[in-house]
PDB file of N, CA and C in Angstrom:
ATOM      1  N   MET A   1       0.812  -1.188   0.000  1.00  0.00           N
ATOM      2  CA  MET A   1       0.000   0.000   0.000  1.00  0.00           C
ATOM      3  C   MET A   1       0.862   1.261   0.000  1.00  0.00           C
ATOM      4  N   LEU A   2       1.977   1.200   0.724  1.00  0.00           N
ATOM      5  CA  LEU A   2       2.871   2.348   0.793  1.00  0.00           C
ATOM      6  C   LEU A   2       3.484   2.646  -0.571  1.00  0.00           C
ATOM      7  N   ILE A   3       3.829   1.612  -1.319  1.00  0.00           N
ATOM      8  CA  ILE A   3       4.433   1.812  -2.640  1.00  0.00           C
ATOM      9  C   ILE A   3       3.446   2.485  -3.584  1.00  0.00           C
ATOM     10  N   ILE A   4       2.196   2.077  -3.529  1.00  0.00           N
ATOM     11  CA  ILE A   4       1.172   2.698  -4.372  1.00  0.00           C
ATOM     12  C   ILE A   4       1.002   4.161  -3.995  1.00  0.00           C
ATOM     13  N   ALA A   5       1.012   4.455  -2.701  1.00  0.00           N
ATOM     14  CA  ALA A   5       0.884   5.839  -2.246  1.00  0.00           C
ATOM     15  C   ALA A   5       2.074   6.677  -2.707  1.00  0.00           C
ATOM     16  N   LEU A   6       3.281   6.121  -2.653  1.00  0.00           N
ATOM     17  CA  LEU A   6       4.470   6.850  -3.111  1.00  0.00           C
ATOM     18  C   LEU A   6       4.409   7.121  -4.608  1.00  0.00           C
ATOM     19  N   ILE A   7       3.945   6.143  -5.382  1.00  0.00           N
ATOM     20  CA  ILE A   7       3.837   6.334  -6.829  1.00  0.00           C
ATOM     21  C   ILE A   7       2.793   7.405  -7.142  1.00  0.00           C
ATOM     22  N   LEU A   8       1.653   7.369  -6.474  1.00  0.00           N
ATOM     23  CA  LEU A   8       0.623   8.390  -6.696  1.00  0.00           C
ATOM     24  C   LEU A   8       1.109   9.772  -6.271  1.00  0.00           C
ATOM     25  N   PHE A   9       1.827   9.851  -5.152  1.00  0.00           N
ATOM     26  CA  PHE A   9       2.393  11.120  -4.711  1.00  0.00           C
ATOM     27  C   PHE A   9       3.383  11.648  -5.747  1.00  0.00           C
ATOM     28  N   GLY A  10       4.245  10.762  -6.235  1.00  0.00           N
ATOM     29  CA  GLY A  10       5.210  11.162  -7.259  1.00  0.00           C
ATOM     30  C   GLY A  10       4.532  11.630  -8.524  1.00  0.00           C
ATOM     31  N   MET A  11       3.457  10.956  -8.900  1.00  0.00           N
ATOM     32  CA  MET A  11       2.732  11.333 -10.113  1.00  0.00           C
ATOM     33  C   MET A  11       2.117  12.725  -9.961  1.00  0.00           C
ATOM     34  N   LEU A  12       1.532  13.001  -8.816  1.00  0.00           N
ATOM     35  CA  LEU A  12       0.935  14.323  -8.593  1.00  0.00           C
ATOM     36  C   LEU A  12       1.992  15.424  -8.536  1.00  0.00           C
ATOM     37  N   ILE A  13       3.100  15.157  -7.874  1.00  0.00           N
ATOM     38  CA  ILE A  13       4.179  16.146  -7.781  1.00  0.00           C
ATOM     39  C   ILE A  13       4.790  16.398  -9.160  1.00  0.00           C
ATOM     40  N   GLY A  14       5.008  15.332  -9.939  1.00  0.00           N
ATOM     41  CA  GLY A  14       5.553  15.482 -11.286  1.00  0.00           C
ATOM     42  C   GLY A  14       4.613  16.237 -12.206  1.00  0.00           C
ATOM     43  N   ALA A  15       3.311  15.975 -12.077  1.00  0.00           N
ATOM     44  CA  ALA A  15       2.333  16.715 -12.875  1.00  0.00           C
ATOM     45  C   ALA A  15       2.331  18.190 -12.488  1.00  0.00           C
ATOM     46  N   ALA A  16       2.450  18.470 -11.199  1.00  0.00           N
ATOM     47  CA  ALA A  16       2.519  19.861 -10.748  1.00  0.00           C
ATOM     48  C   ALA A  16       3.755  20.553 -11.314  1.00  0.00           C
ATOM     49  N   ALA A  17       4.872  19.845 -11.365  1.00  0.00           N
ATOM     50  CA  ALA A  17       6.102  20.428 -11.924  1.00  0.00           C
ATOM     51  C   ALA A  17       5.925  20.744 -13.404  1.00  0.00           C
ATOM     52  N   GLN A  18       5.265  19.852 -14.138  1.00  0.00           N
ATOM     53  CA  GLN A  18       5.037  20.112 -15.561  1.00  0.00           C
ATOM     54  C   GLN A  18       4.098  21.294 -15.755  1.00  0.00           C
ATOM     55  N   LEU A  19       3.095  21.427 -14.890  1.00  0.00           N
ATOM     56  CA  LEU A  19       2.184  22.564 -14.989  1.00  0.00           C
ATOM     57  C   LEU A  19       2.883  23.872 -14.618  1.00  0.00           C
ATOM     58  N   ILE A  20       3.800  23.820 -13.651  1.00  0.00           N
ATOM     59  CA  ILE A  20       4.540  25.020 -13.262  1.00  0.00           C
ATOM     60  C   ILE A  20       5.436  25.480 -14.405  1.00  0.00           C
ATOM     61  N   LEU A  21       6.125  24.538 -15.037  1.00  0.00           N
ATOM     62  CA  LEU A  21       7.027  24.898 -16.134  1.00  0.00           C
ATOM     63  C   LEU A  21       6.272  25.262 -17.399  1.00  0.00           C
ATOM     64  N   GLY A  22       5.091  24.693 -17.591  1.00  0.00           N
ATOM     65  CA  GLY A  22       4.262  25.034 -18.748  1.00  0.00           C
ATOM     66  C   GLY A  22       4.953  24.722 -20.050  1.00  0.00           C
ATOM     67  N   GLY A  23       5.435  25.723 -20.705  1.00  0.00           N
ATOM     68  CA  GLY A  23       6.133  25.546 -21.972  1.00  0.00           C
ATOM     69  C   GLY A  23       5.199  25.349 -23.150  1.00  0.00           C
ATOM     70  N   GLY A  24       3.944  25.741 -23.023  1.00  0.00           N
ATOM     71  CA  GLY A  24       3.012  25.625 -24.132  1.00  0.00           C
ATOM     72  C   GLY A  24       2.481  24.221 -24.357  1.00  0.00           C
ATOM     73  N   ARG A  25       2.779  23.314 -23.466  1.00  0.00           N
ATOM     74  CA  ARG A  25       2.286  21.950 -23.610  1.00  0.00           C
ATOM     75  C   ARG A  25       0.896  21.854 -22.993  1.00  0.00           C
ATOM     76  N   THR A  26       0.017  21.173 -23.691  1.00  0.00           N
ATOM     77  CA  THR A  26      -1.357  21.075 -23.214  1.00  0.00           C
ATOM     78  C   THR A  26      -1.616  19.787 -22.451  1.00  0.00           C
ATOM     79  N   SER A  27      -0.791  18.776 -22.659  1.00  0.00           N
ATOM     80  CA  SER A  27      -1.015  17.509 -21.969  1.00  0.00           C
ATOM     81  C   SER A  27       0.164  17.192 -21.056  1.00  0.00           C
ATOM     82  N   ILE A  28      -0.100  16.315 -20.116  1.00  0.00           N
ATOM     83  CA  ILE A  28       0.923  15.914 -19.150  1.00  0.00           C
ATOM     84  C   ILE A  28       1.451  14.551 -19.549  1.00  0.00           C
ATOM     85  N   ASP A  29       2.759  14.423 -19.597  1.00  0.00           N
ATOM     86  CA  ASP A  29       3.409  13.133 -19.840  1.00  0.00           C
ATOM     87  C   ASP A  29       3.465  12.411 -18.502  1.00  0.00           C
ATOM     88  N   TRP A  30       2.568  11.439 -18.310  1.00  0.00           N
ATOM     89  CA  TRP A  30       2.413  10.803 -17.007  1.00  0.00           C
ATOM     90  C   TRP A  30       3.611   9.959 -16.615  1.00  0.00           C
ATOM     91  N   THR A  31       4.270   9.346 -17.594  1.00  0.00           N
ATOM     92  CA  THR A  31       5.469   8.569 -17.272  1.00  0.00           C
ATOM     93  C   THR A  31       6.555   9.484 -16.718  1.00  0.00           C
ATOM     94  N   MET A  32       6.742  10.597 -17.398  1.00  0.00           N
ATOM     95  CA  MET A  32       7.729  11.568 -16.929  1.00  0.00           C
ATOM     96  C   MET A  32       7.298  12.175 -15.589  1.00  0.00           C
ATOM     97  N   ALA A  33       5.994  12.343 -15.401  1.00  0.00           N
ATOM     98  CA  ALA A  33       5.498  12.903 -14.139  1.00  0.00           C
ATOM     99  C   ALA A  33       5.835  11.982 -12.967  1.00  0.00           C
ATOM    100  N   ILE A  34       5.665  10.678 -13.164  1.00  0.00           N
ATOM    101  CA  ILE A  34       5.971   9.724 -12.085  1.00  0.00           C
ATOM    102  C   ILE A  34       7.460   9.736 -11.772  1.00  0.00           C
ATOM    103  N   VAL A  35       8.277   9.654 -12.823  1.00  0.00           N
ATOM    104  CA  VAL A  35       9.732   9.608 -12.619  1.00  0.00           C
ATOM    105  C   VAL A  35      10.230  10.917 -12.009  1.00  0.00           C
ATOM    106  N   ALA A  36       9.782  12.053 -12.575  1.00  0.00           N
ATOM    107  CA  ALA A  36      10.230  13.350 -12.060  1.00  0.00           C
ATOM    108  C   ALA A  36       9.755  13.567 -10.632  1.00  0.00           C
ATOM    109  N   GLY A  37       8.569  13.100 -10.303  1.00  0.00           N
ATOM    110  CA  GLY A  37       8.059  13.256  -8.946  1.00  0.00           C
ATOM    111  C   GLY A  37       8.850  12.445  -7.935  1.00  0.00           C
ATOM    112  N   LEU A  38       9.143  11.194  -8.282  1.00  0.00           N
ATOM    113  CA  LEU A  38       9.889  10.340  -7.360  1.00  0.00           C
ATOM    114  C   LEU A  38      11.339  10.788  -7.226  1.00  0.00           C
ATOM    115  N   VAL A  39      11.995  11.031  -8.359  1.00  0.00           N
ATOM    116  CA  VAL A  39      13.394  11.477  -8.318  1.00  0.00           C
ATOM    117  C   VAL A  39      13.474  12.882  -7.724  1.00  0.00           C
ATOM    118  N   GLY A  40      12.524  13.724  -8.100  1.00  0.00           N
ATOM    119  CA  GLY A  40      12.509  15.097  -7.584  1.00  0.00           C
ATOM    120  C   GLY A  40      12.328  15.164  -6.086  1.00  0.00           C
ATOM    121  N   SER A  41      11.615  14.219  -5.524  1.00  0.00           N
ATOM    122  CA  SER A  41      11.441  14.179  -4.078  1.00  0.00           C
ATOM    123  C   SER A  41      12.787  13.957  -3.388  1.00  0.00           C
ATOM    124  N   PHE A  42      13.593  13.074  -3.942  1.00  0.00           N
ATOM    125  CA  PHE A  42      14.909  12.830  -3.348  1.00  0.00           C
ATOM    126  C   PHE A  42      15.871  13.985  -3.620  1.00  0.00           C
ATOM    127  N   VAL A  43      15.766  14.606  -4.808  1.00  0.00           N
ATOM    128  CA  VAL A  43      16.605  15.774  -5.113  1.00  0.00           C
ATOM    129  C   VAL A  43      16.254  16.911  -4.163  1.00  0.00           C
ATOM    130  N   GLY A  44      14.952  17.142  -3.969  1.00  0.00           N
ATOM    131  CA  GLY A  44      14.515  18.190  -3.045  1.00  0.00           C
ATOM    132  C   GLY A  44      14.956  17.897  -1.622  1.00  0.00           C
ATOM    133  N   GLY A  45      14.874  16.625  -1.228  1.00  0.00           N
ATOM    134  CA  GLY A  45      15.330  16.239   0.105  1.00  0.00           C
ATOM    135  C   GLY A  45      16.811  16.456   0.291  1.00  0.00           C
ATOM    136  N   LEU A  46      17.582  16.170  -0.752  1.00  0.00           N
ATOM    137  CA  LEU A  46      19.028  16.381  -0.694  1.00  0.00           C
ATOM    138  C   LEU A  46      19.350  17.867  -0.598  1.00  0.00           C
ATOM    139  N   LEU A  47      18.652  18.699  -1.386  1.00  0.00           N
ATOM    140  CA  LEU A  47      18.892  20.144  -1.329  1.00  0.00           C
ATOM    141  C   LEU A  47      18.555  20.710   0.048  1.00  0.00           C
ATOM    142  N   ILE A  48      17.433  20.286   0.610  1.00  0.00           N
ATOM    143  CA  ILE A  48      17.042  20.779   1.929  1.00  0.00           C
ATOM    144  C   ILE A  48      18.035  20.305   2.984  1.00  0.00           C
ATOM    145  N   SER A  49      18.525  19.087   2.815  1.00  0.00           N
ATOM    146  CA  SER A  49      19.522  18.536   3.734  1.00  0.00           C
ATOM    147  C   SER A  49      20.807  19.368   3.692  1.00  0.00           C
ATOM    148  N   LEU A  50      21.232  19.739   2.484  1.00  0.00           N
ATOM    149  CA  LEU A  50      22.445  20.540   2.347  1.00  0.00           C
ATOM    150  C   LEU A  50      22.252  21.952   2.895  1.00  0.00           C
ATOM    151  N   LEU A  51      21.085  22.544   2.621  1.00  0.00           N
ATOM    152  CA  LEU A  51      20.826  23.905   3.087  1.00  0.00           C
ATOM    153  C   LEU A  51      20.685  23.980   4.607  1.00  0.00           C
ATOM    154  N   SER A  52      20.186  22.923   5.219  1.00  0.00           N
ATOM    155  CA  SER A  52      20.011  22.946   6.669  1.00  0.00           C
ATOM    156  C   SER A  52      21.280  22.560   7.420  1.00  0.00           C
ATOM    157  N   GLY A  53      22.310  22.118   6.682  1.00  0.00           N
ATOM    158  CA  GLY A  53      23.572  21.780   7.320  1.00  0.00           C
ATOM    159  C   GLY A  53      23.653  20.357   7.826  1.00  0.00           C
ATOM    160  N   ASP A  54      22.771  19.488   7.366  1.00  0.00           N
ATOM    161  CA  ASP A  54      22.790  18.091   7.800  1.00  0.00           C
ATOM    162  C   ASP A  54      23.790  17.241   7.026  1.00  0.00           C
ATOM    163  N   GLY A  55      24.403  17.789   6.013  1.00  0.00           N
ATOM    164  CA  GLY A  55      25.348  17.029   5.202  1.00  0.00           C
ATOM    165  C   GLY A  55      24.668  16.372   4.015  1.00  0.00           C
ATOM    166  N   LEU A  56      25.313  15.363   3.482  1.00  0.00           N
ATOM    167  CA  LEU A  56      24.805  14.691   2.288  1.00  0.00           C
ATOM    168  C   LEU A  56      23.934  13.489   2.643  1.00  0.00           C
ATOM    169  N   GLU A  57      22.895  13.721   3.398  1.00  0.00           N
ATOM    170  CA  GLU A  57      21.959  12.653   3.728  1.00  0.00           C
ATOM    171  C   GLU A  57      20.841  12.662   2.698  1.00  0.00           C
ATOM    172  N   LEU A  58      20.632  11.542   2.044  1.00  0.00           N
ATOM    173  CA  LEU A  58      19.573  11.433   1.048  1.00  0.00           C
ATOM    174  C   LEU A  58      18.314  10.937   1.736  1.00  0.00           C
ATOM    175  N   ARG A  59      17.274  11.750   1.699  1.00  0.00           N
ATOM    176  CA  ARG A  59      16.010  11.353   2.314  1.00  0.00           C
ATOM    177  C   ARG A  59      14.858  12.032   1.583  1.00  0.00           C
ATOM    178  N   ALA A  60      13.705  11.450   1.720  1.00  0.00           N
ATOM    179  CA  ALA A  60      12.514  12.055   1.109  1.00  0.00           C
ATOM    180  C   ALA A  60      12.194  13.353   1.843  1.00  0.00           C
ATOM    181  N   SER A  61      11.704  14.319   1.094  1.00  0.00           N
ATOM    182  CA  SER A  61      11.420  15.615   1.703  1.00  0.00           C
ATOM    183  C   SER A  61       9.915  15.850   1.725  1.00  0.00           C
ATOM    184  N   GLY A  62       9.543  17.040   2.116  1.00  0.00           N
ATOM    185  CA  GLY A  62       8.142  17.418   2.155  1.00  0.00           C
ATOM    186  C   GLY A  62       7.633  17.811   0.789  1.00  0.00           C
ATOM    187  N   ILE A  63       6.436  18.308   0.765  1.00  0.00           N
ATOM    188  CA  ILE A  63       5.781  18.637  -0.499  1.00  0.00           C
ATOM    189  C   ILE A  63       6.518  19.748  -1.230  1.00  0.00           C
ATOM    190  N   ILE A  64       6.920  20.788  -0.545  1.00  0.00           N
ATOM    191  CA  ILE A  64       7.592  21.913  -1.211  1.00  0.00           C
ATOM    192  C   ILE A  64       8.939  21.470  -1.779  1.00  0.00           C
ATOM    193  N   GLY A  65       9.721  20.747  -1.006  1.00  0.00           N
ATOM    194  CA  GLY A  65      10.999  20.239  -1.496  1.00  0.00           C
ATOM    195  C   GLY A  65      10.813  19.287  -2.658  1.00  0.00           C
ATOM    196  N   SER A  66       9.756  18.485  -2.623  1.00  0.00           N
ATOM    197  CA  SER A  66       9.478  17.555  -3.708  1.00  0.00           C
ATOM    198  C   SER A  66       9.130  18.298  -4.992  1.00  0.00           C
ATOM    199  N   ILE A  67       8.330  19.344  -4.872  1.00  0.00           N
ATOM    200  CA  ILE A  67       7.965  20.125  -6.065  1.00  0.00           C
ATOM    201  C   ILE A  67       9.187  20.818  -6.639  1.00  0.00           C
ATOM    202  N   VAL A  68      10.008  21.414  -5.777  1.00  0.00           N
ATOM    203  CA  VAL A  68      11.230  22.077  -6.254  1.00  0.00           C
ATOM    204  C   VAL A  68      12.143  21.067  -6.950  1.00  0.00           C
ATOM    205  N   GLY A  69      12.319  19.919  -6.338  1.00  0.00           N
ATOM    206  CA  GLY A  69      13.142  18.878  -6.960  1.00  0.00           C
ATOM    207  C   GLY A  69      12.571  18.389  -8.273  1.00  0.00           C
ATOM    208  N   ALA A  70      11.253  18.216  -8.341  1.00  0.00           N
ATOM    209  CA  ALA A  70      10.616  17.762  -9.578  1.00  0.00           C
ATOM    210  C   ALA A  70      10.716  18.813 -10.674  1.00  0.00           C
ATOM    211  N   VAL A  71      10.629  20.084 -10.312  1.00  0.00           N
ATOM    212  CA  VAL A  71      10.802  21.153 -11.306  1.00  0.00           C
ATOM    213  C   VAL A  71      12.226  21.120 -11.852  1.00  0.00           C
ATOM    214  N   ILE A  72      13.210  20.912 -10.995  1.00  0.00           N
ATOM    215  CA  ILE A  72      14.604  20.825 -11.440  1.00  0.00           C
ATOM    216  C   ILE A  72      14.802  19.634 -12.369  1.00  0.00           C
ATOM    217  N   VAL A  73      14.261  18.480 -11.993  1.00  0.00           N
ATOM    218  CA  VAL A  73      14.406  17.269 -12.817  1.00  0.00           C
ATOM    219  C   VAL A  73      13.692  17.443 -14.157  1.00  0.00           C
ATOM    220  N   THR A  74      12.476  17.988 -14.141  1.00  0.00           N
ATOM    221  CA  THR A  74      11.708  18.182 -15.374  1.00  0.00           C
ATOM    222  C   THR A  74      12.399  19.194 -16.288  1.00  0.00           C
ATOM    223  N   ALA A  75      12.889  20.290 -15.726  1.00  0.00           N
ATOM    224  CA  ALA A  75      13.586  21.290 -16.543  1.00  0.00           C
ATOM    225  C   ALA A  75      14.857  20.708 -17.147  1.00  0.00           C
ATOM    226  N   GLY A  76      15.591  19.919 -16.371  1.00  0.00           N
ATOM    227  CA  GLY A  76      16.798  19.274 -16.898  1.00  0.00           C
ATOM    228  C   GLY A  76      16.480  18.290 -18.001  1.00  0.00           C
ATOM    229  N   TRP A  77      15.413  17.523 -17.831  1.00  0.00           N
ATOM    230  CA  TRP A  77      15.005  16.551 -18.854  1.00  0.00           C
ATOM    231  C   TRP A  77      14.602  17.254 -20.146  1.00  0.00           C
ATOM    232  N   ARG A  78      13.836  18.340 -20.038  1.00  0.00           N
ATOM    233  CA  ARG A  78      13.422  19.089 -21.234  1.00  0.00           C
ATOM    234  C   ARG A  78      14.630  19.724 -21.916  1.00  0.00           C
ATOM    235  N   PHE A  79      15.582  20.214 -21.124  1.00  0.00           N
ATOM    236  CA  PHE A  79      16.784  20.806 -21.699  1.00  0.00           C
ATOM    237  C   PHE A  79      17.566  19.761 -22.500  1.00  0.00           C
ATOM    238  N   LEU A  80      17.716  18.564 -21.939  1.00  0.00           N
ATOM    239  CA  LEU A  80      18.428  17.497 -22.638  1.00  0.00           C
ATOM    240  C   LEU A  80      17.691  17.070 -23.912  1.00  0.00           C
ATOM    241  N   GLN A  81      16.376  17.027 -23.866  1.00  0.00           N
ATOM    242  CA  GLN A  81      15.609  16.666 -25.058  1.00  0.00           C
ATOM    243  C   GLN A  81      15.782  17.702 -26.155  1.00  0.00           C
ATOM    244  N   GLN A  82      15.796  18.983 -25.789  1.00  0.00           N
ATOM    245  CA  GLN A  82      15.979  20.039 -26.780  1.00  0.00           C
ATOM    246  C   GLN A  82      17.372  20.003 -27.380  1.00  0.00           C
ATOM    247  N   ARG A  83      18.392  19.672 -26.579  1.00  0.00           N
ATOM    248  CA  ARG A  83      19.759  19.591 -27.099  1.00  0.00           C
ATOM    249  C   ARG A  83      19.917  18.429 -28.058  1.00  0.00           C
ATOM    250  N   ARG A  84      19.267  17.307 -27.764  1.00  0.00           N
ATOM    251  CA  ARG A  84      19.368  16.146 -28.632  1.00  0.00           C
ATOM    252  C   ARG A  84      18.678  16.381 -29.969  1.00  0.00           C
ATOM    253  N   SER A  85      17.568  17.114 -29.975  1.00  0.00           N
ATOM    254  CA  SER A  85      16.837  17.331 -31.212  1.00  0.00           C
ATOM    255  C   SER A  85      17.460  18.422 -32.072  1.00  0.00           C
ATOM    256  N   ALA A  86      18.314  19.246 -31.485  1.00  0.00           N
ATOM    257  CA  ALA A  86      18.910  20.354 -32.256  1.00  0.00           C
ATOM    258  C   ALA A  86      20.142  19.920 -33.027  1.00  0.00           C
TER     259      ALA A  86
END
């Protein structure tokens, strides 16, 4: 049950990151939303850990850290896609 909840949380956070970045896209890439949400949660947790002075502890963060991390992951993914197509 916990795994399903984590996947749904990641999907919602990833979708929020795609909506924040916009970019003229009308639909949400759900596969990317799940991956960006899950990875972004750990990226956000790592950033908050570094900013608070806890060192390099990798842990899941809260909603705000997860969204920030997912926005970073989504923006990086879109940047790489644009570089490959150019």
